[in-house]
Amino acid sequence: MVGREVTTIEAIEADAVGKRVVAAWVEHQVAQCGYCQSGQVMAATALLKHTPKPSDAQIEAAMVNLCRCGTYNAIHAAVHELAQGEKA
């Protein structure tokens, strides 16, 4: 980890992209039980930081964390909206 930066879920909203992801999660009511949401938010933030305008295929390839509530459609919708630049 020498020379690397680590961002935790507790600090994700300090990052501009992370803040947008959290806002989209709330707007799309992604979280149900909350069990997987930290990992989902971190994965979406990493994707959008690395690939600001991912295609649907890239979103599907990146968002592979399991969700026991099955909120995959809401997750995809939130990330897709952010990728399209529809939300600030």
C-alpha atoms as a PDB file:
ATOM      1  CA  MET A   1       0.000   0.000   0.000  1.00  0.00           C
ATOM      2  CA  VAL A   2       3.042   2.272   0.041  1.00  0.00           C
ATOM      3  CA  GLY A   3       2.340   5.246  -2.173  1.00  0.00           C
ATOM      4  CA  ARG A   4      -1.320   4.338  -2.633  1.00  0.00           C
ATOM      5  CA  GLU A   5      -4.406   6.239  -1.567  1.00  0.00           C
ATOM      6  CA  VAL A   6      -7.269   4.407   0.113  1.00  0.00           C
ATOM      7  CA  THR A   7     -10.799   5.783   0.233  1.00  0.00           C
ATOM      8  CA  THR A   8     -13.296   4.153   2.568  1.00  0.00           C
ATOM      9  CA  ILE A   9     -17.064   4.240   2.312  1.00  0.00           C
ATOM     10  CA  GLU A  10     -17.126   6.620   5.274  1.00  0.00           C
ATOM     11  CA  ALA A  11     -15.246   9.222   3.212  1.00  0.00           C
ATOM     12  CA  ILE A  12     -16.778   8.545  -0.203  1.00  0.00           C
ATOM     13  CA  GLU A  13     -18.883  11.713  -0.202  1.00  0.00           C
ATOM     14  CA  ALA A  14     -15.709  13.804   0.133  1.00  0.00           C
ATOM     15  CA  ASP A  15     -14.998  12.713  -3.443  1.00  0.00           C
ATOM     16  CA  ALA A  16     -17.000  14.567  -6.121  1.00  0.00           C
ATOM     17  CA  VAL A  17     -17.833  11.393  -8.044  1.00  0.00           C
ATOM     18  CA  GLY A  18     -18.627   9.477  -4.858  1.00  0.00           C
ATOM     19  CA  LYS A  19     -20.985  12.228  -3.763  1.00  0.00           C
ATOM     20  CA  ARG A  20     -22.845  12.013  -7.090  1.00  0.00           C
ATOM     21  CA  VAL A  21     -23.081   8.227  -6.778  1.00  0.00           C
ATOM     22  CA  VAL A  22     -24.550   8.445  -3.273  1.00  0.00           C
ATOM     23  CA  ALA A  23     -27.085  11.046  -4.468  1.00  0.00           C
ATOM     24  CA  ALA A  24     -28.096   8.810  -7.402  1.00  0.00           C
ATOM     25  CA  TRP A  25     -28.447   5.835  -5.031  1.00  0.00           C
ATOM     26  CA  VAL A  26     -30.874   7.839  -2.901  1.00  0.00           C
ATOM     27  CA  GLU A  27     -32.806   9.186  -5.888  1.00  0.00           C
ATOM     28  CA  HIS A  28     -33.201   5.719  -7.420  1.00  0.00           C
ATOM     29  CA  GLN A  29     -33.937   4.135  -4.033  1.00  0.00           C
ATOM     30  CA  VAL A  30     -31.268   1.530  -4.709  1.00  0.00           C
ATOM     31  CA  ALA A  31     -30.668   0.413  -1.137  1.00  0.00           C
ATOM     32  CA  GLN A  32     -33.122  -2.092   0.273  1.00  0.00           C
ATOM     33  CA  CYS A  33     -31.483  -3.953   3.151  1.00  0.00           C
ATOM     34  CA  GLY A  34     -28.174  -2.081   2.816  1.00  0.00           C
ATOM     35  CA  TYR A  35     -26.053  -5.223   3.134  1.00  0.00           C
ATOM     36  CA  CYS A  36     -24.171  -4.770  -0.163  1.00  0.00           C
ATOM     37  CA  GLN A  37     -24.471  -1.048  -0.658  1.00  0.00           C
ATOM     38  CA  SER A  38     -21.005  -0.041   0.523  1.00  0.00           C
ATOM     39  CA  GLY A  39     -19.459  -2.321  -2.074  1.00  0.00           C
ATOM     40  CA  GLN A  40     -21.905  -1.254  -4.768  1.00  0.00           C
ATOM     41  CA  VAL A  41     -21.241   2.456  -4.161  1.00  0.00           C
ATOM     42  CA  MET A  42     -17.477   1.894  -4.135  1.00  0.00           C
ATOM     43  CA  ALA A  43     -17.647  -0.132  -7.376  1.00  0.00           C
ATOM     44  CA  ALA A  44     -19.792   2.491  -9.115  1.00  0.00           C
ATOM     45  CA  THR A  45     -17.505   5.293  -7.961  1.00  0.00           C
ATOM     46  CA  ALA A  46     -14.404   3.431  -9.168  1.00  0.00           C
ATOM     47  CA  LEU A  47     -16.040   2.751 -12.536  1.00  0.00           C
ATOM     48  CA  LEU A  48     -17.091   6.362 -13.072  1.00  0.00           C
ATOM     49  CA  LYS A  49     -13.700   7.712 -11.987  1.00  0.00           C
ATOM     50  CA  HIS A  50     -11.899   5.369 -14.402  1.00  0.00           C
ATOM     51  CA  THR A  51     -14.483   5.555 -17.211  1.00  0.00           C
ATOM     52  CA  PRO A  52     -16.626   8.702 -16.834  1.00  0.00           C
ATOM     53  CA  LYS A  53     -19.005   7.726 -19.680  1.00  0.00           C
ATOM     54  CA  PRO A  54     -19.224   3.920 -19.528  1.00  0.00           C
ATOM     55  CA  SER A  55     -21.402   2.020 -21.963  1.00  0.00           C
ATOM     56  CA  ASP A  56     -24.160  -0.254 -20.711  1.00  0.00           C
ATOM     57  CA  ALA A  57     -21.846  -3.222 -21.319  1.00  0.00           C
ATOM     58  CA  GLN A  58     -19.095  -1.600 -19.235  1.00  0.00           C
ATOM     59  CA  ILE A  59     -21.586  -0.899 -16.437  1.00  0.00           C
ATOM     60  CA  GLU A  60     -22.735  -4.525 -16.462  1.00  0.00           C
ATOM     61  CA  ALA A  61     -19.128  -5.777 -16.476  1.00  0.00           C
ATOM     62  CA  ALA A  62     -18.087  -3.529 -13.580  1.00  0.00           C
ATOM     63  CA  MET A  63     -21.113  -3.871 -11.314  1.00  0.00           C
ATOM     64  CA  VAL A  64     -20.703  -7.539 -10.392  1.00  0.00           C
ATOM     65  CA  ASN A  65     -21.147  -7.371  -6.608  1.00  0.00           C
ATOM     66  CA  LEU A  66     -23.949  -9.612  -5.407  1.00  0.00           C
ATOM     67  CA  CYS A  67     -27.134  -8.004  -4.099  1.00  0.00           C
ATOM     68  CA  ARG A  68     -29.356 -10.295  -2.087  1.00  0.00           C
ATOM     69  CA  CYS A  69     -32.340  -7.969  -2.576  1.00  0.00           C
ATOM     70  CA  GLY A  70     -31.954  -8.005  -6.363  1.00  0.00           C
ATOM     71  CA  THR A  71     -31.744  -4.249  -6.887  1.00  0.00           C
ATOM     72  CA  TYR A  72     -29.678  -4.715 -10.044  1.00  0.00           C
ATOM     73  CA  ASN A  73     -32.088  -2.736 -12.240  1.00  0.00           C
ATOM     74  CA  ALA A  74     -31.993   0.246  -9.875  1.00  0.00           C
ATOM     75  CA  ILE A  75     -28.199   0.010  -9.618  1.00  0.00           C
ATOM     76  CA  HIS A  76     -27.870  -0.035 -13.405  1.00  0.00           C
ATOM     77  CA  ALA A  77     -30.320   2.869 -13.768  1.00  0.00           C
ATOM     78  CA  ALA A  78     -28.424   4.992 -11.248  1.00  0.00           C
ATOM     79  CA  VAL A  79     -25.026   4.354 -12.850  1.00  0.00           C
ATOM     80  CA  HIS A  80     -26.442   4.779 -16.369  1.00  0.00           C
ATOM     81  CA  GLU A  81     -27.950   8.144 -15.417  1.00  0.00           C
ATOM     82  CA  LEU A  82     -24.618   9.309 -14.015  1.00  0.00           C
ATOM     83  CA  ALA A  83     -22.774   8.056 -17.107  1.00  0.00           C
ATOM     84  CA  GLN A  84     -25.107  10.046 -19.334  1.00  0.00           C
ATOM     85  CA  GLY A  85     -24.402  13.176 -17.318  1.00  0.00           C
ATOM     86  CA  GLU A  86     -28.085  13.560 -16.525  1.00  0.00           C
ATOM     87  CA  LYS A  87     -27.371  14.422 -12.878  1.00  0.00           C
ATOM     88  CA  ALA A  88     -24.779  16.780 -11.444  1.00  0.00           C
END
